[in-house]
Protein backbone atom coordinates (compact mmCIF):
# COMPACT_ATOMS: atom_id res chain seq x y z
CA ARG A 1 15.91 -0.55 18.20
CA PRO A 2 15.04 2.54 16.13
CA GLU A 3 18.48 2.76 14.48
CA PHE A 4 18.18 -0.79 13.20
CA ALA A 5 14.69 -0.17 11.80
CA LEU A 6 15.82 3.05 10.10
CA ARG A 7 18.86 1.35 8.56
CA ARG A 8 16.63 -1.46 7.26
CA VAL A 9 14.26 1.02 5.60
CA VAL A 10 17.09 3.04 4.04
CA LYS A 11 18.78 -0.15 2.80
CA THR A 12 15.54 -1.42 1.29
CA CYS A 13 14.78 1.91 -0.41
CA ASN A 14 18.34 2.20 -1.72
CA GLY A 15 18.05 -1.35 -3.04
CA LYS A 16 15.10 -0.17 -5.14
CA LEU A 17 11.52 -0.95 -4.41
CA ARG A 18 10.40 -4.20 -5.97
CA GLN A 19 7.76 -4.68 -8.57
CA LEU A 20 5.39 -7.52 -7.88
CA LYS A 21 6.61 -10.82 -9.27
CA PRO A 22 4.35 -11.66 -12.17
CA GLY A 23 3.25 -15.25 -12.33
CA LYS A 24 1.41 -17.03 -15.03
CA THR A 25 -1.78 -15.11 -15.62
CA ARG A 26 -4.45 -17.47 -16.77
CA THR A 27 -6.85 -16.29 -19.42
CA ILE A 28 -10.19 -15.24 -17.98
CA SER A 29 -13.16 -16.20 -20.13
CA ASP A 30 -15.30 -13.47 -21.64
CA GLN A 31 -18.32 -15.04 -19.93
CA THR A 32 -16.67 -14.77 -16.49
CA ILE A 33 -15.78 -11.13 -17.13
CA THR A 34 -19.33 -10.33 -18.33
CA ASP A 35 -20.92 -12.13 -15.37
CA THR A 36 -18.66 -10.28 -12.92
CA LYS A 37 -19.41 -6.92 -14.56
CA LEU A 38 -23.14 -7.61 -14.24
CA CYS A 39 -22.75 -8.67 -10.60
CA ILE A 40 -20.88 -5.47 -9.69
CA ARG A 41 -23.25 -3.29 -11.71
CA ARG A 42 -26.24 -4.89 -9.94
CA ALA A 43 -24.62 -4.36 -6.51
CA PHE A 44 -23.65 -0.76 -7.29
CA SER A 45 -27.13 0.06 -8.59
CA GLU A 46 -28.82 -1.63 -5.64
CA ALA A 47 -26.68 0.26 -3.10
CA THR A 48 -26.59 3.69 -4.74
CA GLY A 49 -29.67 3.82 -6.93
CA ARG A 50 -27.43 4.80 -9.86
CA TYR A 51 -26.76 2.87 -13.05
CA THR A 52 -23.13 3.02 -14.15
CA SER A 53 -20.75 1.46 -16.64
CA ILE A 54 -18.34 -1.18 -15.38
CA SER A 55 -14.90 -1.47 -16.99
CA TYR A 56 -12.54 -4.43 -16.66
CA PHE A 57 -8.75 -4.37 -16.39
CA CYS A 58 -6.22 -7.10 -15.73
CA ASP A 59 -2.48 -7.23 -16.16
CA ASP A 60 0.43 -9.09 -14.55
CA ASN A 61 0.72 -6.57 -11.69
CA ILE A 62 -2.97 -6.78 -10.77
CA ALA A 63 -2.81 -10.58 -10.90
CA ALA A 64 0.40 -10.63 -8.85
CA PHE A 65 -1.26 -8.49 -6.17
CA TRP A 66 -4.33 -10.70 -5.73
CA ARG A 67 -2.06 -13.76 -5.39
CA GLN A 68 -0.45 -12.34 -2.24
CA THR A 69 -1.68 -13.89 0.98
CA ASP A 70 -2.07 -10.46 2.61
CA ALA A 71 -3.79 -8.73 -0.33
CA GLN A 72 -7.08 -8.22 1.52
CA LYS A 73 -5.28 -6.88 4.59
CA MET A 74 -3.27 -4.44 2.45
CA LEU A 75 -6.43 -3.07 0.82
CA SER A 76 -8.12 -2.59 4.20
CA SER A 77 -5.40 -0.20 5.38
CA GLY A 78 -7.22 2.94 4.28
CA VAL A 79 -6.65 5.64 1.69
CA LEU A 80 -3.06 6.47 0.70
CA THR A 81 -3.34 9.49 -1.61
CA PRO A 82 -5.76 12.30 -2.47
CA ASP A 83 -6.20 10.84 -5.98
CA GLU A 84 -7.14 7.46 -4.57
CA LEU A 85 -9.74 9.14 -2.37
CA LEU A 86 -11.18 11.41 -5.07
CA TYR A 87 -11.22 9.18 -8.12
CA ALA A 88 -11.51 5.64 -6.70
CA ASN A 89 -13.37 6.69 -3.51
CA GLY A 90 -10.73 4.89 -1.47
CA PRO A 91 -8.80 1.67 -1.94
CA ALA A 92 -10.23 -0.99 -4.21
CA MET A 93 -12.84 -3.17 -2.52
CA TRP A 94 -11.55 -6.72 -2.12
CA VAL A 95 -14.00 -9.26 -3.51
CA THR A 96 -13.27 -12.93 -2.90
CA ARG A 97 -16.42 -14.21 -4.58
CA CYS A 98 -18.74 -12.13 -6.73
CA ASP A 99 -21.97 -11.97 -4.74
CA SER A 100 -24.01 -8.86 -5.60
CA THR A 101 -25.89 -8.94 -2.27
CA ALA A 102 -22.66 -9.00 -0.24
CA ILE A 103 -21.04 -6.28 -2.38
CA ALA A 104 -24.16 -4.09 -2.13
CA ALA A 105 -24.13 -4.53 1.66
CA LYS A 106 -20.49 -3.35 1.81
CA LEU A 107 -21.33 -0.36 -0.39
CA ARG A 108 -24.35 0.53 1.77
CA THR A 109 -22.14 0.37 4.87
CA GLN A 110 -19.71 2.80 3.24
CA ILE A 111 -22.56 5.18 2.41
CA LYS A 112 -24.06 4.83 5.90
CA ASN A 113 -20.65 5.77 7.36
CA GLY A 114 -20.56 8.96 5.26
CA LEU A 115 -18.16 7.65 2.63
CA ASN A 116 -18.55 7.58 -1.12
CA PRO A 117 -19.10 4.06 -2.49
CA SER A 118 -16.03 2.29 -3.84
CA ALA A 119 -15.43 2.80 -7.54
CA ALA A 120 -12.82 0.04 -7.83
CA PHE A 121 -13.31 -3.65 -7.09
CA LEU A 122 -10.44 -6.13 -7.07
CA VAL A 123 -11.98 -9.54 -7.67
CA LYS A 124 -9.64 -12.34 -6.67
CA GLY A 125 -8.69 -14.53 -9.59
CA ILE A 126 -10.40 -12.31 -12.17
CA GLY A 127 -9.16 -8.70 -12.14
CA LEU A 128 -9.94 -5.07 -11.45
CA PHE A 129 -13.41 -3.69 -12.17
CA VAL A 130 -14.12 0.05 -12.17
CA ALA A 131 -17.56 1.59 -11.75
CA GLY A 132 -17.79 4.87 -13.64
CA SER A 133 -17.65 6.45 -17.04
CA GLU A 134 -15.39 5.02 -19.72
CA LYS A 135 -13.57 8.35 -19.69
CA ILE A 136 -12.51 8.13 -16.02
CA ALA A 137 -12.03 4.33 -15.73
CA PRO A 138 -8.43 4.27 -17.12
CA ALA A 139 -7.41 6.99 -14.65
CA VAL A 140 -8.92 4.99 -11.78
CA ARG A 141 -7.07 1.89 -13.03
CA ASP A 142 -3.75 3.78 -13.01
CA ILE A 143 -4.40 5.15 -9.52
CA VAL A 144 -5.27 1.69 -8.20
CA ALA A 145 -2.22 0.13 -9.89
CA SER A 146 0.04 2.71 -8.23
CA SER A 147 -1.69 2.08 -4.92
CA LEU A 148 -1.12 -1.68 -5.20
CA PHE A 149 2.60 -1.09 -5.78
CA VAL A 150 2.90 1.30 -2.82
CA ARG A 151 0.83 -0.93 -0.53
CA THR A 152 2.96 -3.99 -1.33
CA ASN A 153 6.24 -2.22 -0.66
CA ALA A 154 4.98 -0.34 2.42
CA PHE A 155 3.68 -3.61 3.87
CA ARG A 156 7.06 -5.21 3.21
CA LEU A 157 8.82 -2.27 4.92
CA GLY A 158 6.79 -2.61 8.08
CA GLY A 159 3.30 -1.29 7.54
CA ILE A 160 0.90 0.87 5.58
CA CYS A 161 0.04 4.28 6.99
CA GLY A 162 -3.02 5.74 5.29
CA LEU A 163 -4.58 9.18 5.52
CA ASN A 164 -6.44 9.87 8.75
CA LYS A 165 -10.08 11.01 8.90
CA ARG A 166 -9.16 14.69 9.27
CA GLN A 167 -6.92 14.56 6.19
CA GLN A 168 -9.60 12.75 4.19
CA ASN A 169 -12.26 15.30 5.15
CA PHE A 170 -9.96 18.15 4.15
CA ILE A 171 -9.34 16.58 0.74
CA ASN A 172 -13.04 15.87 0.18
CA GLN A 173 -13.96 19.46 1.02
CA TRP A 174 -11.19 21.11 -0.96
CA GLU A 175 -12.79 22.88 -3.90
CA THR A 176 -9.85 22.44 -6.26
CA ASP A 177 -9.97 18.65 -6.05
CA SER A 178 -13.74 18.68 -6.30
CA PHE A 179 -13.37 20.69 -9.52
CA ARG A 180 -10.69 18.27 -10.84
CA ARG A 181 -12.94 15.29 -10.20
CA LYS A 182 -15.88 16.87 -12.06
CA LEU A 183 -13.63 17.93 -14.91
CA ALA A 184 -12.12 14.45 -15.28
CA ASP A 185 -15.58 12.88 -15.26
CA GLY A 186 -16.72 15.20 -18.06
CA SER A 187 -19.38 16.91 -15.96
CA SER A 188 -21.14 19.77 -17.72
CA GLU A 189 -21.40 21.63 -14.39
CA VAL A 190 -17.80 22.83 -14.70
CA LEU A 191 -18.03 24.14 -18.23
CA LEU A 192 -18.14 27.91 -18.63
């Protein structure tokens, strides 16, 4: 019944949205982080023809997200916000095992479908990796972290409703956001 569903949502929202429950985050070795960065860099370069920096981030919230049984499903629900679309090129790509050939194939599929290649990669058991300049990587991390929080709570409340194709196209074509993206990335094209 609709009234019951509405009451449940209102009760949950009034009861405050929950942060992910942090568990024990094991220390990831520097070698594992370096190997994963190289794997993602290789895949990104192979798929796009561009060399880029790869930054690594991991905190309790990122680790708590990848521990959820439905983490991959939540990330496959599409784009939630204009910032997620413009700066991270969509939700973080879920990576169960770092295989540069498989990641490159996913990136090529995105490009073939007219999408920009993912800039964020959530590698299960390791952390979040961001492809892009060191200047923009912290912003992408913050956008992804917010997205993980929203996705978890939306999923718990009954489902994730992302932006549709028309909304995404509008955002991608909007000159103001295009300007913001170039400005944040430090592009010289926007300087007067």
